[in-house]
Amino acid sequence: MKSYKGLKIDYWLFWFASSFGMGASNILQYVLSLYVLDLTGSATLFASMLSIIIFPRILLTPLAGVMADRVRKSRMMSLILLDEAIVLGIYFVLGQTMTIGIALVYVLVVVLEAGEVFYGGCEAAILPELVPPDRLKDAISISKVDDGIVQVAAPLAAALIYDNLSIGAAFAVIALLNFLSFLLQALIRPKYEVEHEKSAQRSSIWKDFKEGLKCIRENTFLRGFIKVMSLANAFFGATFAISVTYLLRQTYGVEAWVYSAYCSVTAAVSMIVPLFAVPLVKKYPAKKLFFMATLIIAAGILMIGICALCGINQIIPIAASVVLITIFDCVTIAAAIPMQMTS
């Protein structure tokens, strides 16, 4: 209970707003994955749906980072959530009058990802404005717990929604979650918003961006960190978002509830590990923690690949392959969470 001390109402509003917003995003991701796979049966189209998000990330992430230092973060986050709710509401209306095709799915993914980029830039920087400095690591740990709760519930909710509602009705449910998140986020009044207009320096966005690049060039560890995390995120995206989904749903032909159960089990690890990870983050230097985590993640991904090949070639039963993939996925997640908390 010590971790809860010093965490005031603004933090808990953020915690619940983040939970509902993340829940909406995760449910939508799973629903769209199931929808596109069932609609096309094509791994290429499924992968392309997820890969197109790289374009708004590349184009907008540098701007989002600079903007997060120049705007009132909570206000910008609430506006993004409201805009996403409106977009999903429009898709709900479209779903009542026409078939949502692949092209419309692509447009939705790109638009929402653009919002996620700016939301993420603010989210990464807002915690120090909501809690005292001596409670920051505890706040990060508790925020990871709600990540885990959402990731456990989202696949099951997505499977329930997908099996019982139309794609248009799914958009309505997700829009309501986004709107609830907007209402909570709009109530946050961090101290920064009072001090912002007094202390903010009106330098140009380009100047701020160049200063950020200079900071990266001058820090050897930071340069290595960016390279490693870029590779790790690329492999995570390919392995968990695309390859495993296609393997389970199309190659193995498992039912939606089996895939959802797999997602929920791995997400449960995301909820439990942060409770025990804070002592590791405090005890070990960042370089050592990153080195060990990277080795474990690489080994876990290798074993997932081996188990998948064994299942495809019928060396082991499909059920055993699914169980082993789930176990090694949990290992990689357990290694990745302290790395994320340290970052």
Protein backbone atom coordinates (compact mmCIF):
# COMPACT_ATOMS: atom_id res chain seq x y z
CA MET A 1 0.00 0.00 0.00
CA LYS A 2 3.00 2.30 0.36
CA SER A 3 3.08 2.75 -3.41
CA TYR A 4 -0.30 4.49 -3.31
CA LYS A 5 0.88 7.32 -1.03
CA GLY A 6 1.35 10.66 -2.73
CA LEU A 7 -0.79 9.73 -5.74
CA LYS A 8 -3.56 12.33 -5.84
CA ILE A 9 -6.87 12.56 -7.70
CA ASP A 10 -5.27 13.85 -10.92
CA TYR A 11 -3.17 10.70 -11.19
CA TRP A 12 -6.15 8.42 -10.66
CA LEU A 13 -8.23 10.32 -13.21
CA PHE A 14 -5.37 9.80 -15.64
CA TRP A 15 -5.14 6.12 -14.62
CA PHE A 16 -8.81 5.44 -15.39
CA ALA A 17 -8.84 7.62 -18.51
CA SER A 18 -5.79 5.78 -19.80
CA SER A 19 -7.42 2.43 -18.98
CA PHE A 20 -10.60 3.17 -20.94
CA GLY A 21 -8.69 4.75 -23.83
CA MET A 22 -6.26 1.86 -24.04
CA GLY A 23 -9.13 -0.59 -23.75
CA ALA A 24 -10.87 1.05 -26.71
CA SER A 25 -7.67 0.96 -28.77
CA ASN A 26 -6.89 -2.68 -27.94
CA ILE A 27 -10.42 -3.91 -28.53
CA LEU A 28 -10.46 -2.14 -31.89
CA GLN A 29 -7.12 -3.70 -32.82
CA TYR A 30 -8.36 -7.22 -32.10
CA VAL A 31 -11.74 -6.66 -33.77
CA LEU A 32 -10.13 -5.29 -36.92
CA SER A 33 -7.59 -8.14 -36.96
CA LEU A 34 -10.35 -10.76 -36.79
CA TYR A 35 -12.46 -8.85 -39.31
CA VAL A 36 -9.71 -8.45 -41.93
CA LEU A 37 -8.52 -12.04 -41.59
CA ASP A 38 -12.05 -13.42 -41.94
CA LEU A 39 -12.88 -11.03 -44.77
CA THR A 40 -9.79 -11.73 -46.89
CA GLY A 41 -7.93 -14.72 -45.44
CA SER A 42 -4.81 -12.98 -46.67
CA ALA A 43 -1.70 -12.64 -44.53
CA THR A 44 -0.44 -9.94 -46.89
CA LEU A 45 -3.50 -7.72 -46.48
CA PHE A 46 -3.56 -8.34 -42.73
CA ALA A 47 0.13 -7.45 -42.41
CA SER A 48 -0.28 -4.38 -44.63
CA MET A 49 -3.11 -3.11 -42.41
CA LEU A 50 -0.74 -3.14 -39.43
CA SER A 51 2.35 -2.00 -41.31
CA ILE A 52 0.82 1.19 -42.76
CA ILE A 53 0.91 2.72 -39.29
CA ILE A 54 4.65 3.19 -39.80
CA PHE A 55 3.98 6.17 -42.06
CA PRO A 56 2.17 8.40 -39.54
CA ARG A 57 4.70 7.30 -36.92
CA ILE A 58 7.70 8.29 -39.04
CA LEU A 59 6.16 11.56 -40.18
CA LEU A 60 4.54 12.67 -36.95
CA THR A 61 6.55 11.24 -34.03
CA PRO A 62 9.29 13.93 -34.12
CA LEU A 63 6.61 16.62 -34.19
CA ALA A 64 4.62 14.91 -31.43
CA GLY A 65 7.62 14.86 -29.12
CA VAL A 66 8.23 18.57 -29.60
CA MET A 67 4.54 19.43 -29.28
CA ALA A 68 4.35 17.53 -25.97
CA ASP A 69 6.84 20.04 -24.52
CA ARG A 70 4.93 23.05 -25.81
CA VAL A 71 1.24 22.37 -25.12
CA ARG A 72 -0.97 21.58 -22.18
CA LYS A 73 -0.67 17.83 -22.30
CA SER A 74 -3.88 16.90 -20.52
CA ARG A 75 -5.97 19.19 -22.72
CA MET A 76 -4.39 17.87 -25.91
CA MET A 77 -4.90 14.26 -24.79
CA SER A 78 -8.59 14.89 -24.04
CA LEU A 79 -9.12 16.51 -27.45
CA ILE A 80 -7.49 13.56 -29.20
CA LEU A 81 -9.75 11.12 -27.34
CA LEU A 82 -12.81 13.17 -28.30
CA ASP A 83 -11.73 13.29 -31.95
CA GLU A 84 -11.21 9.52 -32.00
CA ALA A 85 -14.68 8.99 -30.52
CA ILE A 86 -16.17 11.17 -33.25
CA VAL A 87 -14.30 9.28 -36.00
CA LEU A 88 -15.50 5.94 -34.63
CA GLY A 89 -19.03 7.33 -34.41
CA ILE A 90 -18.83 8.20 -38.10
CA TYR A 91 -17.72 4.65 -38.88
CA PHE A 92 -20.66 3.34 -36.85
CA VAL A 93 -23.02 5.34 -39.08
CA LEU A 94 -21.23 4.11 -42.21
CA GLY A 95 -21.50 0.53 -40.96
CA GLN A 96 -25.28 0.85 -40.84
CA THR A 97 -25.52 1.88 -44.49
CA MET A 98 -22.68 0.11 -46.30
CA THR A 99 -20.06 -2.62 -46.04
CA ILE A 100 -16.84 -1.55 -44.35
CA GLY A 101 -14.23 -2.59 -46.90
CA ILE A 102 -10.48 -2.91 -46.61
CA ALA A 103 -9.88 0.61 -47.93
CA LEU A 104 -12.04 2.13 -45.19
CA VAL A 105 -10.24 0.00 -42.59
CA TYR A 106 -6.90 1.36 -43.85
CA VAL A 107 -8.15 4.94 -43.60
CA LEU A 108 -9.40 4.35 -40.06
CA VAL A 109 -6.12 2.76 -38.96
CA VAL A 110 -4.05 5.66 -40.35
CA VAL A 111 -6.30 8.37 -38.85
CA LEU A 112 -6.39 6.77 -35.41
CA GLU A 113 -2.66 6.06 -35.45
CA ALA A 114 -1.98 9.74 -36.15
CA GLY A 115 -3.97 10.56 -33.03
CA GLU A 116 -2.18 7.83 -31.04
CA VAL A 117 1.20 9.33 -31.97
CA PHE A 118 0.34 12.72 -30.48
CA TYR A 119 -1.46 11.13 -27.52
CA GLY A 120 1.53 8.92 -26.79
CA GLY A 121 3.92 11.87 -26.91
CA CYS A 122 1.92 13.64 -24.22
CA GLU A 123 1.27 10.49 -22.18
CA ALA A 124 4.99 9.72 -21.95
CA ALA A 125 5.67 13.14 -20.43
CA ILE A 126 2.65 13.84 -18.24
CA LEU A 127 3.36 11.57 -15.25
CA PRO A 128 6.00 13.88 -13.71
CA GLU A 129 3.32 16.57 -13.65
CA LEU A 130 0.84 14.39 -11.76
CA VAL A 131 2.96 12.87 -8.96
CA PRO A 132 5.86 13.98 -6.75
CA PRO A 133 9.34 13.03 -8.03
CA ASP A 134 9.85 10.49 -5.23
CA ARG A 135 6.67 8.65 -6.30
CA LEU A 136 7.38 8.55 -10.03
CA LYS A 137 8.63 4.94 -10.18
CA ASP A 138 5.69 3.77 -8.08
CA ALA A 139 3.32 5.64 -10.40
CA ILE A 140 4.92 4.00 -13.44
CA SER A 141 4.59 0.58 -11.83
CA ILE A 142 0.91 1.11 -11.01
CA SER A 143 0.26 2.42 -14.52
CA LYS A 144 1.70 -0.84 -15.88
CA VAL A 145 -0.83 -2.75 -13.79
CA ASP A 146 -3.73 -1.06 -15.56
CA ASP A 147 -1.98 -1.86 -18.86
CA GLY A 148 -2.09 -5.51 -17.87
CA ILE A 149 -5.73 -5.38 -16.77
CA VAL A 150 -6.75 -3.85 -20.09
CA GLN A 151 -4.69 -6.29 -22.12
CA VAL A 152 -6.26 -9.23 -20.26
CA ALA A 153 -9.80 -7.97 -20.75
CA ALA A 154 -9.50 -6.53 -24.26
CA PRO A 155 -9.07 -9.80 -26.23
CA LEU A 156 -12.00 -11.44 -24.45
CA ALA A 157 -14.16 -8.34 -24.93
CA ALA A 158 -13.15 -8.16 -28.59
CA ALA A 159 -14.05 -11.82 -29.18
CA LEU A 160 -17.42 -11.30 -27.45
CA ILE A 161 -18.15 -8.18 -29.49
CA TYR A 162 -16.97 -9.72 -32.78
CA ASP A 163 -18.97 -12.92 -32.34
CA ASN A 164 -22.20 -11.20 -31.29
CA LEU A 165 -22.26 -7.76 -32.94
CA SER A 166 -21.75 -6.34 -36.39
CA ILE A 167 -18.56 -4.43 -37.19
CA GLY A 168 -20.60 -1.21 -37.12
CA ALA A 169 -21.94 -1.94 -33.64
CA ALA A 170 -18.37 -2.68 -32.53
CA PHE A 171 -17.39 0.84 -33.61
CA ALA A 172 -20.21 2.24 -31.45
CA VAL A 173 -19.03 0.38 -28.33
CA ILE A 174 -15.43 1.47 -28.85
CA ALA A 175 -16.52 5.07 -29.51
CA LEU A 176 -18.35 5.10 -26.15
CA LEU A 177 -15.20 3.89 -24.37
CA ASN A 178 -13.20 6.67 -26.03
CA PHE A 179 -15.80 9.25 -25.00
CA LEU A 180 -15.72 8.06 -21.38
CA SER A 181 -11.94 8.33 -21.45
CA PHE A 182 -12.29 11.88 -22.82
CA LEU A 183 -14.60 12.90 -19.96
CA LEU A 184 -12.16 11.64 -17.33
CA GLN A 185 -9.13 13.16 -19.03
CA ALA A 186 -10.88 16.53 -19.31
CA LEU A 187 -11.23 16.67 -15.51
CA ILE A 188 -7.46 16.53 -14.90
CA ARG A 189 -5.88 19.78 -13.74
CA PRO A 190 -2.15 19.13 -13.18
CA LYS A 191 0.02 21.84 -11.70
CA TYR A 192 1.83 22.18 -15.02
CA GLU A 193 -1.22 23.78 -16.61
CA VAL A 194 -1.01 26.62 -14.11
CA GLU A 195 2.72 27.12 -14.62
CA HIS A 196 2.83 26.50 -18.35
CA GLU A 197 2.09 29.98 -19.64
CA LYS A 198 4.55 31.54 -17.18
CA SER A 199 7.49 29.21 -17.82
CA ALA A 200 7.13 28.00 -21.41
CA GLN A 201 9.73 29.35 -23.80
CA ARG A 202 8.44 30.25 -27.25
CA SER A 203 11.32 28.81 -29.28
CA SER A 204 10.60 27.41 -32.73
CA ILE A 205 9.56 23.79 -33.19
CA TRP A 206 12.49 23.22 -35.56
CA LYS A 207 14.95 24.56 -32.96
CA ASP A 208 13.53 22.26 -30.29
CA PHE A 209 13.77 19.32 -32.68
CA LYS A 210 17.41 20.05 -33.49
CA GLU A 211 18.23 20.31 -29.78
CA GLY A 212 16.72 16.87 -29.30
CA LEU A 213 18.87 15.43 -32.09
CA LYS A 214 21.95 17.05 -30.58
CA CYS A 215 21.17 15.47 -27.21
CA ILE A 216 20.94 12.04 -28.86
CA ARG A 217 24.20 12.46 -30.78
CA GLU A 218 26.09 13.41 -27.62
CA ASN A 219 24.88 10.44 -25.56
CA THR A 220 26.33 7.05 -26.56
CA PHE A 221 23.93 5.01 -24.44
CA LEU A 222 20.92 6.94 -25.74
CA ARG A 223 21.96 6.25 -29.34
CA GLY A 224 22.29 2.54 -28.62
CA PHE A 225 19.02 2.52 -26.70
CA ILE A 226 17.13 4.00 -29.65
CA LYS A 227 18.61 1.43 -32.05
CA VAL A 228 17.87 -1.54 -29.79
CA MET A 229 14.32 -0.41 -29.01
CA SER A 230 13.62 0.16 -32.71
CA LEU A 231 14.68 -3.41 -33.51
CA ALA A 232 12.80 -4.82 -30.51
CA ASN A 233 9.60 -3.01 -31.47
CA ALA A 234 9.95 -4.21 -35.07
CA PHE A 235 10.33 -7.84 -33.99
CA PHE A 236 7.48 -7.54 -31.47
CA GLY A 237 5.22 -6.12 -34.16
CA ALA A 238 6.07 -8.84 -36.67
CA THR A 239 5.95 -11.71 -34.17
CA PHE A 240 3.00 -10.87 -31.95
CA ALA A 241 0.80 -8.60 -34.03
CA ILE A 242 1.07 -10.37 -37.37
CA SER A 243 2.81 -13.74 -37.35
CA VAL A 244 1.26 -15.26 -34.24
CA THR A 245 -2.22 -13.99 -35.08
CA TYR A 246 -2.07 -15.44 -38.58
CA LEU A 247 -0.51 -18.67 -37.29
CA LEU A 248 -3.25 -19.30 -34.74
CA ARG A 249 -6.26 -18.14 -36.73
CA GLN A 250 -5.38 -19.23 -40.28
CA THR A 251 -2.62 -21.86 -40.17
CA TYR A 252 -3.79 -23.66 -37.03
CA GLY A 253 -7.43 -22.69 -37.50
CA VAL A 254 -8.15 -22.15 -33.81
CA GLU A 255 -11.43 -20.52 -32.82
CA ALA A 256 -11.67 -16.86 -31.82
CA TRP A 257 -12.00 -17.71 -28.12
CA VAL A 258 -8.74 -19.73 -28.19
CA TYR A 259 -6.90 -16.80 -29.75
CA SER A 260 -8.49 -14.44 -27.22
CA ALA A 261 -7.51 -16.74 -24.35
CA TYR A 262 -3.91 -16.75 -25.60
CA CYS A 263 -3.94 -12.94 -25.68
CA SER A 264 -5.46 -12.75 -22.20
CA VAL A 265 -2.94 -15.15 -20.66
CA THR A 266 0.02 -13.25 -22.07
CA ALA A 267 -1.58 -9.97 -21.01
CA ALA A 268 -2.00 -11.30 -17.45
CA VAL A 269 1.78 -11.43 -17.26
CA SER A 270 1.83 -7.73 -18.17
CA MET A 271 -0.39 -7.09 -15.18
CA ILE A 272 1.57 -9.19 -12.65
CA VAL A 273 5.19 -8.48 -13.58
CA PRO A 274 5.14 -4.72 -12.83
CA LEU A 275 4.24 -5.47 -9.22
CA PHE A 276 7.61 -7.20 -8.80
CA ALA A 277 9.69 -5.25 -11.29
CA VAL A 278 10.16 -1.99 -9.38
CA PRO A 279 12.92 -3.41 -7.11
CA LEU A 280 14.80 -4.62 -10.22
CA VAL A 281 14.49 -1.23 -11.89
CA LYS A 282 15.76 0.51 -8.77
CA LYS A 283 18.56 -1.98 -8.10
CA TYR A 284 20.24 -2.55 -11.48
CA PRO A 285 21.82 0.04 -13.80
CA ALA A 286 19.89 0.70 -17.00
CA LYS A 287 22.68 -0.66 -19.23
CA LYS A 288 22.83 -4.00 -17.41
CA LEU A 289 19.05 -4.33 -17.30
CA PHE A 290 18.73 -3.61 -21.01
CA PHE A 291 21.48 -6.10 -21.92
CA MET A 292 19.93 -8.99 -19.97
CA ALA A 293 16.40 -8.19 -21.13
CA THR A 294 17.48 -8.07 -24.78
CA LEU A 295 19.10 -11.53 -24.53
CA ILE A 296 16.02 -13.05 -22.90
CA ILE A 297 13.69 -11.46 -25.46
CA ALA A 298 15.80 -12.74 -28.36
CA ALA A 299 15.83 -16.26 -26.90
CA GLY A 300 12.07 -16.15 -26.30
CA ILE A 301 11.30 -15.10 -29.87
CA LEU A 302 13.60 -17.86 -31.20
CA MET A 303 11.78 -20.49 -29.14
CA ILE A 304 8.39 -19.19 -30.32
CA GLY A 305 9.58 -19.67 -33.90
CA ILE A 306 10.80 -23.21 -33.20
CA CYS A 307 7.50 -24.17 -31.53
CA ALA A 308 5.57 -22.73 -34.46
CA LEU A 309 7.60 -24.75 -36.97
CA CYS A 310 7.11 -27.92 -34.91
CA GLY A 311 3.35 -27.37 -34.91
CA ILE A 312 3.19 -26.61 -38.65
CA ASN A 313 5.20 -29.73 -39.51
CA GLN A 314 3.13 -31.84 -37.07
CA ILE A 315 6.16 -32.73 -34.98
CA ILE A 316 4.09 -31.82 -31.94
CA PRO A 317 0.28 -31.46 -31.63
CA ILE A 318 -1.20 -28.05 -32.40
CA ALA A 319 -2.54 -27.74 -28.85
CA ALA A 320 0.96 -28.32 -27.45
CA SER A 321 2.41 -25.79 -29.87
CA VAL A 322 -0.13 -23.16 -28.77
CA VAL A 323 0.68 -23.81 -25.10
CA LEU A 324 4.44 -23.58 -25.66
CA ILE A 325 4.12 -20.42 -27.75
CA THR A 326 2.07 -18.89 -24.95
CA ILE A 327 4.71 -19.80 -22.35
CA PHE A 328 7.62 -18.35 -24.32
CA ASP A 329 5.57 -15.28 -25.17
CA CYS A 330 5.06 -14.75 -21.43
CA VAL A 331 8.83 -15.03 -20.90
CA THR A 332 9.54 -12.32 -23.48
CA ILE A 333 6.90 -10.05 -21.96
CA ALA A 334 8.33 -10.57 -18.47
CA ALA A 335 11.74 -9.49 -19.77
CA ALA A 336 10.39 -6.55 -21.74
CA ILE A 337 8.41 -4.88 -18.94
CA PRO A 338 11.41 -3.90 -16.73
CA MET A 339 13.04 -2.58 -19.91
CA GLN A 340 9.97 -0.44 -20.64
CA MET A 341 9.80 0.81 -17.08
CA THR A 342 13.46 1.77 -17.16
CA SER A 343 13.03 3.60 -20.44
